[in-house]
Amino acid sequence: MSNTQETIPNAVKFAFGGLAGMGGTLFVQPLDLVKNRMQLSGTTGKKEYRSSFHALRTIIASEGVFAVYNGLSAGLA
C-alpha cells in the first residue's frame, strides 16, 4: 500500500471555478439590473420606484420575467 494522494487536474479546477462564477452571475444579474434601474430613475429628479421590490415587480409586469436577465450574456462572457 502506498500513501500517494491523487490530485485534481488543473483543467478541472479551472472548469469548476468558471462554472461557480457563472452560477454566481445567474444569481446577481437580477439584483444588478434592479440596482441600475433604480439609480437611473433618480437622475431625472423624479423617482420611478419606491423600493427594490417595487422596481422588480414593475420590471416583471411591464417587460416580462426574462427581462431581469437582459445583459446576462455580457456578464457570463
C-alpha atoms as a PDB file:
ATOM      1  CA  MET A   1       0.000   0.000   0.000  1.00  0.00           C
ATOM      2  CA  SER A   2       1.342   3.412  -0.911  1.00  0.00           C
ATOM      3  CA  ASN A   3       0.495   6.743   0.663  1.00  0.00           C
ATOM      4  CA  THR A   4       0.134   8.674  -2.595  1.00  0.00           C
ATOM      5  CA  GLN A   5      -2.806  11.020  -2.956  1.00  0.00           C
ATOM      6  CA  GLU A   6      -4.489  11.695  -6.239  1.00  0.00           C
ATOM      7  CA  THR A   7      -4.661  15.370  -7.116  1.00  0.00           C
ATOM      8  CA  ILE A   8      -7.317  17.135  -9.126  1.00  0.00           C
ATOM      9  CA  PRO A   9      -6.013  18.246 -12.527  1.00  0.00           C
ATOM     10  CA  ASN A  10      -5.677  21.994 -13.039  1.00  0.00           C
ATOM     11  CA  ALA A  11      -8.066  21.930 -16.018  1.00  0.00           C
ATOM     12  CA  VAL A  12     -10.821  20.514 -13.803  1.00  0.00           C
ATOM     13  CA  LYS A  13     -10.144  23.146 -11.134  1.00  0.00           C
ATOM     14  CA  PHE A  14     -10.331  25.856 -13.807  1.00  0.00           C
ATOM     15  CA  ALA A  15     -13.625  24.479 -15.168  1.00  0.00           C
ATOM     16  CA  PHE A  16     -15.193  24.263 -11.696  1.00  0.00           C
ATOM     17  CA  GLY A  17     -14.063  27.806 -10.902  1.00  0.00           C
ATOM     18  CA  GLY A  18     -15.566  29.106 -14.132  1.00  0.00           C
ATOM     19  CA  LEU A  19     -18.848  27.293 -13.535  1.00  0.00           C
ATOM     20  CA  ALA A  20     -19.013  28.654  -9.985  1.00  0.00           C
ATOM     21  CA  GLY A  21     -18.527  32.193 -11.276  1.00  0.00           C
ATOM     22  CA  MET A  22     -21.227  31.718 -13.899  1.00  0.00           C
ATOM     23  CA  GLY A  23     -23.609  30.354 -11.275  1.00  0.00           C
ATOM     24  CA  GLY A  24     -22.981  33.413  -9.123  1.00  0.00           C
ATOM     25  CA  THR A  25     -23.698  35.669 -12.086  1.00  0.00           C
ATOM     26  CA  LEU A  26     -27.074  33.978 -12.581  1.00  0.00           C
ATOM     27  CA  PHE A  27     -27.996  34.997  -9.031  1.00  0.00           C
ATOM     28  CA  VAL A  28     -26.526  38.508  -9.074  1.00  0.00           C
ATOM     29  CA  GLN A  29     -27.760  39.626 -12.531  1.00  0.00           C
ATOM     30  CA  PRO A  30     -31.377  40.420 -11.499  1.00  0.00           C
ATOM     31  CA  LEU A  31     -30.156  42.292  -8.424  1.00  0.00           C
ATOM     32  CA  ASP A  32     -27.722  44.335 -10.502  1.00  0.00           C
ATOM     33  CA  LEU A  33     -30.426  45.170 -13.058  1.00  0.00           C
ATOM     34  CA  VAL A  34     -32.734  46.447 -10.302  1.00  0.00           C
ATOM     35  CA  LYS A  35     -29.899  48.498  -8.781  1.00  0.00           C
ATOM     36  CA  ASN A  36     -29.051  50.112 -12.110  1.00  0.00           C
ATOM     37  CA  ARG A  37     -32.685  50.872 -12.937  1.00  0.00           C
ATOM     38  CA  MET A  38     -33.175  52.490  -9.541  1.00  0.00           C
ATOM     39  CA  GLN A  39     -30.020  54.581  -9.937  1.00  0.00           C
ATOM     40  CA  LEU A  40     -31.041  55.757 -13.405  1.00  0.00           C
ATOM     41  CA  SER A  41     -34.603  56.566 -12.343  1.00  0.00           C
ATOM     42  CA  GLY A  42     -33.308  59.059  -9.776  1.00  0.00           C
ATOM     43  CA  THR A  43     -31.276  61.083 -12.284  1.00  0.00           C
ATOM     44  CA  THR A  44     -34.327  62.873 -13.710  1.00  0.00           C
ATOM     45  CA  GLY A  45     -35.365  64.232 -10.317  1.00  0.00           C
ATOM     46  CA  LYS A  46     -38.481  62.040 -10.093  1.00  0.00           C
ATOM     47  CA  LYS A  47     -38.049  58.638  -8.519  1.00  0.00           C
ATOM     48  CA  GLU A  48     -39.815  55.978 -10.548  1.00  0.00           C
ATOM     49  CA  TYR A  49     -39.520  53.200  -7.939  1.00  0.00           C
ATOM     50  CA  ARG A  50     -40.347  53.252  -4.227  1.00  0.00           C
ATOM     51  CA  SER A  51     -38.213  50.248  -3.282  1.00  0.00           C
ATOM     52  CA  SER A  52     -36.224  47.399  -4.753  1.00  0.00           C
ATOM     53  CA  PHE A  53     -39.236  45.109  -4.615  1.00  0.00           C
ATOM     54  CA  HIS A  54     -41.384  47.712  -6.356  1.00  0.00           C
ATOM     55  CA  ALA A  55     -38.731  48.061  -9.077  1.00  0.00           C
ATOM     56  CA  LEU A  56     -38.538  44.294  -9.573  1.00  0.00           C
ATOM     57  CA  ARG A  57     -42.329  43.959  -9.656  1.00  0.00           C
ATOM     58  CA  THR A  58     -42.648  46.812 -12.168  1.00  0.00           C
ATOM     59  CA  ILE A  59     -39.939  45.415 -14.450  1.00  0.00           C
ATOM     60  CA  ILE A  60     -41.514  41.953 -14.453  1.00  0.00           C
ATOM     61  CA  ALA A  61     -45.026  43.329 -15.003  1.00  0.00           C
ATOM     62  CA  SER A  62     -44.073  45.617 -17.881  1.00  0.00           C
ATOM     63  CA  GLU A  63     -41.278  43.671 -19.610  1.00  0.00           C
ATOM     64  CA  GLY A  64     -41.759  40.041 -18.577  1.00  0.00           C
ATOM     65  CA  VAL A  65     -39.985  37.610 -16.288  1.00  0.00           C
ATOM     66  CA  PHE A  66     -36.962  37.120 -18.538  1.00  0.00           C
ATOM     67  CA  ALA A  67     -36.293  40.865 -18.650  1.00  0.00           C
ATOM     68  CA  VAL A  68     -34.388  40.587 -15.378  1.00  0.00           C
ATOM     69  CA  TYR A  69     -31.774  38.602 -17.286  1.00  0.00           C
ATOM     70  CA  ASN A  70     -31.183  41.231 -20.002  1.00  0.00           C
ATOM     71  CA  GLY A  71     -27.426  41.594 -20.364  1.00  0.00           C
ATOM     72  CA  LEU A  72     -26.704  38.139 -18.984  1.00  0.00           C
ATOM     73  CA  SER A  73     -24.515  37.208 -21.947  1.00  0.00           C
ATOM     74  CA  ALA A  74     -22.157  40.098 -21.176  1.00  0.00           C
ATOM     75  CA  GLY A  75     -21.949  39.037 -17.545  1.00  0.00           C
ATOM     76  CA  LEU A  76     -21.182  35.435 -18.459  1.00  0.00           C
ATOM     77  CA  ALA A  77     -18.565  36.412 -21.019  1.00  0.00           C
END
